[in-house]
PDB file of N, CA and C in Angstrom:
ATOM      1  N   UNK A   1      -5.373  -5.651  25.216  1.00  0.00           N
ATOM      2  CA  UNK A   1      -4.109  -5.755  24.485  1.00  0.00           C
ATOM      3  C   UNK A   1      -4.195  -6.884  23.458  1.00  0.00           C
ATOM      4  N   UNK A   2      -3.705  -6.638  22.267  1.00  0.00           N
ATOM      5  CA  UNK A   2      -3.787  -7.603  21.178  1.00  0.00           C
ATOM      6  C   UNK A   2      -2.558  -8.514  21.155  1.00  0.00           C
ATOM      7  N   UNK A   3      -2.812  -9.775  20.894  1.00  0.00           N
ATOM      8  CA  UNK A   3      -1.715 -10.732  20.748  1.00  0.00           C
ATOM      9  C   UNK A   3      -1.333 -10.913  19.285  1.00  0.00           C
ATOM     10  N   UNK A   4      -1.936 -10.104  18.425  1.00  0.00           N
ATOM     11  CA  UNK A   4      -1.690 -10.221  16.996  1.00  0.00           C
ATOM     12  C   UNK A   4      -0.253  -9.807  16.666  1.00  0.00           C
ATOM     13  N   UNK A   5       0.409 -10.630  15.874  1.00  0.00           N
ATOM     14  CA  UNK A   5       1.772 -10.332  15.436  1.00  0.00           C
ATOM     15  C   UNK A   5       1.690  -9.481  14.180  1.00  0.00           C
ATOM     16  N   UNK A   6       2.386  -8.361  14.221  1.00  0.00           N
ATOM     17  CA  UNK A   6       2.407  -7.446  13.080  1.00  0.00           C
ATOM     18  C   UNK A   6       3.777  -7.520  12.401  1.00  0.00           C
ATOM     19  N   UNK A   7       3.762  -7.575  11.085  1.00  0.00           N
ATOM     20  CA  UNK A   7       4.992  -7.529  10.289  1.00  0.00           C
ATOM     21  C   UNK A   7       5.267  -6.061   9.988  1.00  0.00           C
ATOM     22  N   UNK A   8       6.487  -5.626  10.256  1.00  0.00           N
ATOM     23  CA  UNK A   8       6.877  -4.230  10.069  1.00  0.00           C
ATOM     24  C   UNK A   8       8.114  -4.140   9.176  1.00  0.00           C
ATOM     25  N   UNK A   9       8.493  -2.905   8.867  1.00  0.00           N
ATOM     26  CA  UNK A   9       9.715  -2.704   8.080  1.00  0.00           C
ATOM     27  C   UNK A   9      10.938  -3.232   8.822  1.00  0.00           C
ATOM     28  N   UNK A  10      10.908  -3.201  10.133  1.00  0.00           N
ATOM     29  CA  UNK A  10      12.036  -3.747  10.894  1.00  0.00           C
ATOM     30  C   UNK A  10      12.250  -5.215  10.523  1.00  0.00           C
ATOM     31  N   UNK A  11      11.175  -5.967  10.400  1.00  0.00           N
ATOM     32  CA  UNK A  11      11.284  -7.379  10.023  1.00  0.00           C
ATOM     33  C   UNK A  11      11.799  -7.532   8.595  1.00  0.00           C
ATOM     34  N   UNK A  12      11.357  -6.648   7.716  1.00  0.00           N
ATOM     35  CA  UNK A  12      11.841  -6.676   6.327  1.00  0.00           C
ATOM     36  C   UNK A  12      13.345  -6.436   6.301  1.00  0.00           C
ATOM     37  N   UNK A  13      13.795  -5.402   7.014  1.00  0.00           N
ATOM     38  CA  UNK A  13      15.226  -5.099   7.054  1.00  0.00           C
ATOM     39  C   UNK A  13      16.029  -6.246   7.663  1.00  0.00           C
ATOM     40  N   UNK A  14      15.484  -6.862   8.696  1.00  0.00           N
ATOM     41  CA  UNK A  14      16.171  -7.996   9.334  1.00  0.00           C
ATOM     42  C   UNK A  14      16.273  -9.188   8.386  1.00  0.00           C
ATOM     43  N   UNK A  15      15.388  -9.225   7.393  1.00  0.00           N
ATOM     44  CA  UNK A  15      15.393 -10.299   6.389  1.00  0.00           C
ATOM     45  C   UNK A  15      16.150  -9.878   5.129  1.00  0.00           C
ATOM     46  N   UNK A  16      16.867  -8.755   5.232  1.00  0.00           N
ATOM     47  CA  UNK A  16      17.682  -8.215   4.140  1.00  0.00           C
ATOM     48  C   UNK A  16      16.848  -7.714   2.970  1.00  0.00           C
ATOM     49  N   UNK A  17      15.639  -7.229   3.284  1.00  0.00           N
ATOM     50  CA  UNK A  17      14.779  -6.631   2.274  1.00  0.00           C
ATOM     51  C   UNK A  17      14.950  -5.121   2.257  1.00  0.00           C
ATOM     52  N   UNK A  18      14.208  -4.467   1.364  1.00  0.00           N
ATOM     53  CA  UNK A  18      14.296  -3.020   1.243  1.00  0.00           C
ATOM     54  C   UNK A  18      12.899  -2.417   1.104  1.00  0.00           C
ATOM     55  N   UNK A  19      12.825  -1.110   1.297  1.00  0.00           N
ATOM     56  CA  UNK A  19      11.540  -0.409   1.243  1.00  0.00           C
ATOM     57  C   UNK A  19      10.936  -0.443  -0.161  1.00  0.00           C
ATOM     58  N   UNK A  20      11.753  -0.234  -1.171  1.00  0.00           N
ATOM     59  CA  UNK A  20      11.235  -0.226  -2.547  1.00  0.00           C
ATOM     60  C   UNK A  20      10.646  -1.589  -2.914  1.00  0.00           C
ATOM     61  N   UNK A  21      11.358  -2.656  -2.591  1.00  0.00           N
ATOM     62  CA  UNK A  21      10.852  -4.003  -2.873  1.00  0.00           C
ATOM     63  C   UNK A  21       9.593  -4.317  -2.076  1.00  0.00           C
ATOM     64  N   UNK A  22       9.539  -3.803  -0.858  1.00  0.00           N
ATOM     65  CA  UNK A  22       8.366  -4.019  -0.015  1.00  0.00           C
ATOM     66  C   UNK A  22       7.154  -3.304  -0.607  1.00  0.00           C
ATOM     67  N   UNK A  23       7.344  -2.089  -1.068  1.00  0.00           N
ATOM     68  CA  UNK A  23       6.244  -1.349  -1.691  1.00  0.00           C
ATOM     69  C   UNK A  23       5.738  -2.090  -2.928  1.00  0.00           C
ATOM     70  N   UNK A  24       6.652  -2.568  -3.753  1.00  0.00           N
ATOM     71  CA  UNK A  24       6.270  -3.331  -4.945  1.00  0.00           C
ATOM     72  C   UNK A  24       5.484  -4.575  -4.564  1.00  0.00           C
ATOM     73  N   UNK A  25       5.964  -5.306  -3.553  1.00  0.00           N
ATOM     74  CA  UNK A  25       5.290  -6.509  -3.063  1.00  0.00           C
ATOM     75  C   UNK A  25       3.877  -6.186  -2.584  1.00  0.00           C
ATOM     76  N   UNK A  26       3.743  -5.142  -1.764  1.00  0.00           N
ATOM     77  CA  UNK A  26       2.435  -4.787  -1.200  1.00  0.00           C
ATOM     78  C   UNK A  26       1.452  -4.412  -2.298  1.00  0.00           C
ATOM     79  N   UNK A  27       1.907  -3.636  -3.278  1.00  0.00           N
ATOM     80  CA  UNK A  27       1.031  -3.257  -4.394  1.00  0.00           C
ATOM     81  C   UNK A  27       0.647  -4.477  -5.224  1.00  0.00           C
ATOM     82  N   UNK A  28       1.617  -5.358  -5.485  1.00  0.00           N
ATOM     83  CA  UNK A  28       1.364  -6.561  -6.287  1.00  0.00           C
ATOM     84  C   UNK A  28       0.294  -7.439  -5.653  1.00  0.00           C
ATOM     85  N   UNK A  29       0.285  -7.496  -4.332  1.00  0.00           N
ATOM     86  CA  UNK A  29      -0.666  -8.356  -3.614  1.00  0.00           C
ATOM     87  C   UNK A  29      -1.869  -7.580  -3.092  1.00  0.00           C
ATOM     88  N   UNK A  30      -2.031  -6.344  -3.561  1.00  0.00           N
ATOM     89  CA  UNK A  30      -3.167  -5.497  -3.188  1.00  0.00           C
ATOM     90  C   UNK A  30      -3.316  -5.375  -1.668  1.00  0.00           C
ATOM     91  N   UNK A  31      -2.185  -5.161  -1.000  1.00  0.00           N
ATOM     92  CA  UNK A  31      -2.174  -4.961   0.446  1.00  0.00           C
ATOM     93  C   UNK A  31      -2.045  -3.469   0.736  1.00  0.00           C
ATOM     94  N   UNK A  32      -2.554  -3.057   1.859  1.00  0.00           N
ATOM     95  CA  UNK A  32      -2.588  -1.634   2.227  1.00  0.00           C
ATOM     96  C   UNK A  32      -1.197  -1.145   2.603  1.00  0.00           C
ATOM     97  N   UNK A  33      -0.500  -0.557   1.641  1.00  0.00           N
ATOM     98  CA  UNK A  33       0.876  -0.129   1.889  1.00  0.00           C
ATOM     99  C   UNK A  33       0.937   1.071   2.833  1.00  0.00           C
ATOM    100  N   UNK A  34      -0.087   1.910   2.824  1.00  0.00           N
ATOM    101  CA  UNK A  34      -0.092   3.033   3.771  1.00  0.00           C
ATOM    102  C   UNK A  34      -0.163   2.520   5.206  1.00  0.00           C
ATOM    103  N   UNK A  35      -1.021   1.546   5.421  1.00  0.00           N
ATOM    104  CA  UNK A  35      -1.136   0.957   6.762  1.00  0.00           C
ATOM    105  C   UNK A  35       0.184   0.295   7.158  1.00  0.00           C
ATOM    106  N   UNK A  36       0.804  -0.407   6.212  1.00  0.00           N
ATOM    107  CA  UNK A  36       2.065  -1.082   6.506  1.00  0.00           C
ATOM    108  C   UNK A  36       3.140  -0.081   6.915  1.00  0.00           C
ATOM    109  N   UNK A  37       3.310   0.960   6.127  1.00  0.00           N
ATOM    110  CA  UNK A  37       4.396   1.907   6.371  1.00  0.00           C
ATOM    111  C   UNK A  37       4.092   2.920   7.477  1.00  0.00           C
ATOM    112  N   UNK A  38       2.837   3.310   7.636  1.00  0.00           N
ATOM    113  CA  UNK A  38       2.520   4.405   8.549  1.00  0.00           C
ATOM    114  C   UNK A  38       1.834   3.980   9.851  1.00  0.00           C
ATOM    115  N   UNK A  39       1.188   2.821   9.847  1.00  0.00           N
ATOM    116  CA  UNK A  39       0.380   2.436  11.010  1.00  0.00           C
ATOM    117  C   UNK A  39       0.890   1.205  11.747  1.00  0.00           C
ATOM    118  N   UNK A  40       2.153   0.895  11.611  1.00  0.00           N
ATOM    119  CA  UNK A  40       2.705  -0.196  12.408  1.00  0.00           C
ATOM    120  C   UNK A  40       2.643  -1.579  11.808  1.00  0.00           C
ATOM    121  N   UNK A  41       2.495  -1.671  10.509  1.00  0.00           N
ATOM    122  CA  UNK A  41       2.592  -2.965   9.856  1.00  0.00           C
ATOM    123  C   UNK A  41       1.264  -3.618   9.532  1.00  0.00           C
ATOM    124  N   UNK A  42       1.354  -4.868   9.095  1.00  0.00           N
ATOM    125  CA  UNK A  42       0.191  -5.680   8.750  1.00  0.00           C
ATOM    126  C   UNK A  42       0.254  -6.990   9.519  1.00  0.00           C
ATOM    127  N   UNK A  43      -0.910  -7.609   9.770  1.00  0.00           N
ATOM    128  CA  UNK A  43      -0.918  -8.894  10.477  1.00  0.00           C
ATOM    129  C   UNK A  43      -0.100  -9.950   9.736  1.00  0.00           C
ATOM    130  N   UNK A  44       0.623 -10.732  10.496  1.00  0.00           N
ATOM    131  CA  UNK A  44       1.491 -11.759   9.910  1.00  0.00           C
ATOM    132  C   UNK A  44       0.701 -12.729   9.034  1.00  0.00           C
ATOM    133  N   UNK A  45      -0.516 -13.032   9.411  1.00  0.00           N
ATOM    134  CA  UNK A  45      -1.340 -13.960   8.623  1.00  0.00           C
ATOM    135  C   UNK A  45      -1.632 -13.402   7.233  1.00  0.00           C
ATOM    136  N   UNK A  46      -1.789 -12.092   7.139  1.00  0.00           N
ATOM    137  CA  UNK A  46      -2.048 -11.459   5.852  1.00  0.00           C
ATOM    138  C   UNK A  46      -0.820 -11.557   4.945  1.00  0.00           C
ATOM    139  N   UNK A  47       0.343 -11.416   5.516  1.00  0.00           N
ATOM    140  CA  UNK A  47       1.582 -11.538   4.747  1.00  0.00           C
ATOM    141  C   UNK A  47       1.787 -12.993   4.321  1.00  0.00           C
ATOM    142  N   UNK A  48       1.561 -13.924   5.235  1.00  0.00           N
ATOM    143  CA  UNK A  48       1.735 -15.355   4.923  1.00  0.00           C
ATOM    144  C   UNK A  48       0.759 -15.825   3.853  1.00  0.00           C
ATOM    145  N   UNK A  49      -0.436 -15.249   3.823  1.00  0.00           N
ATOM    146  CA  UNK A  49      -1.461 -15.672   2.867  1.00  0.00           C
ATOM    147  C   UNK A  49      -1.051 -15.435   1.417  1.00  0.00           C
ATOM    148  N   UNK A  50      -0.053 -14.592   1.193  1.00  0.00           N
ATOM    149  CA  UNK A  50       0.407 -14.344  -0.179  1.00  0.00           C
ATOM    150  C   UNK A  50       1.135 -15.563  -0.735  1.00  0.00           C
ATOM    151  N   UNK A  51       1.730 -16.367   0.135  1.00  0.00           N
ATOM    152  CA  UNK A  51       2.486 -17.531  -0.309  1.00  0.00           C
ATOM    153  C   UNK A  51       3.845 -17.195  -0.898  1.00  0.00           C
ATOM    154  N   UNK A  52       4.190 -15.936  -0.929  1.00  0.00           N
ATOM    155  CA  UNK A  52       5.461 -15.481  -1.488  1.00  0.00           C
ATOM    156  C   UNK A  52       6.616 -15.947  -0.588  1.00  0.00           C
ATOM    157  N   UNK A  53       7.635 -16.536  -1.180  1.00  0.00           N
ATOM    158  CA  UNK A  53       8.741 -17.104  -0.409  1.00  0.00           C
ATOM    159  C   UNK A  53       9.457 -16.065   0.458  1.00  0.00           C
ATOM    160  N   UNK A  54       9.726 -14.899  -0.101  1.00  0.00           N
ATOM    161  CA  UNK A  54      10.402 -13.867   0.684  1.00  0.00           C
ATOM    162  C   UNK A  54       9.488 -13.348   1.800  1.00  0.00           C
ATOM    163  N   UNK A  55       8.207 -13.216   1.513  1.00  0.00           N
ATOM    164  CA  UNK A  55       7.251 -12.762   2.525  1.00  0.00           C
ATOM    165  C   UNK A  55       7.163 -13.776   3.663  1.00  0.00           C
ATOM    166  N   UNK A  56       7.215 -15.050   3.323  1.00  0.00           N
ATOM    167  CA  UNK A  56       7.177 -16.088   4.358  1.00  0.00           C
ATOM    168  C   UNK A  56       8.407 -16.009   5.254  1.00  0.00           C
ATOM    169  N   UNK A  57       9.547 -15.651   4.675  1.00  0.00           N
ATOM    170  CA  UNK A  57      10.765 -15.499   5.467  1.00  0.00           C
ATOM    171  C   UNK A  57      10.628 -14.300   6.422  1.00  0.00           C
ATOM    172  N   UNK A  58      10.064 -13.215   5.925  1.00  0.00           N
ATOM    173  CA  UNK A  58       9.845 -12.038   6.778  1.00  0.00           C
ATOM    174  C   UNK A  58       8.854 -12.370   7.882  1.00  0.00           C
ATOM    175  N   UNK A  59       7.797 -13.091   7.541  1.00  0.00           N
ATOM    176  CA  UNK A  59       6.792 -13.496   8.532  1.00  0.00           C
ATOM    177  C   UNK A  59       7.411 -14.376   9.608  1.00  0.00           C
ATOM    178  N   UNK A  60       8.316 -15.248   9.217  1.00  0.00           N
ATOM    179  CA  UNK A  60       8.982 -16.115  10.178  1.00  0.00           C
ATOM    180  C   UNK A  60       9.810 -15.280  11.167  1.00  0.00           C
ATOM    181  N   UNK A  61      10.510 -14.283  10.647  1.00  0.00           N
ATOM    182  CA  UNK A  61      11.284 -13.380  11.515  1.00  0.00           C
ATOM    183  C   UNK A  61      10.347 -12.698  12.514  1.00  0.00           C
ATOM    184  N   UNK A  62       9.206 -12.215  12.028  1.00  0.00           N
ATOM    185  CA  UNK A  62       8.237 -11.548  12.903  1.00  0.00           C
ATOM    186  C   UNK A  62       7.716 -12.514  13.970  1.00  0.00           C
ATOM    187  N   UNK A  63       7.374 -13.725  13.559  1.00  0.00           N
ATOM    188  CA  UNK A  63       6.847 -14.716  14.519  1.00  0.00           C
ATOM    189  C   UNK A  63       7.882 -15.113  15.568  1.00  0.00           C
ATOM    190  N   UNK A  64       9.121 -15.160  15.170  1.00  0.00           N
ATOM    191  CA  UNK A  64      10.187 -15.558  16.103  1.00  0.00           C
ATOM    192  C   UNK A  64      10.669 -14.410  16.968  1.00  0.00           C
ATOM    193  N   UNK A  65      10.133 -13.230  16.718  1.00  0.00           N
ATOM    194  CA  UNK A  65      10.501 -12.080  17.525  1.00  0.00           C
ATOM    195  C   UNK A  65      11.939 -11.657  17.366  1.00  0.00           C
ATOM    196  N   UNK A  66      12.508 -11.982  16.231  1.00  0.00           N
ATOM    197  CA  UNK A  66      13.909 -11.612  15.979  1.00  0.00           C
ATOM    198  C   UNK A  66      14.007 -10.191  15.508  1.00  0.00           C
TER     199      UNK A  66
END
């Protein structure tokens, strides 16, 4: 079993984000949007590595299990 924290659309929605903005963000940072939307998200470290303020807020939600 993996202890890796995955950021999902649920975390985006909890951070008051949207799917369209998330797709734009993922493409802008050359992240695998198919994996994000279809395969259960991306590792929190990958999202944090972008340094994007909104992404960091979403990552924090994921880390806190909210």
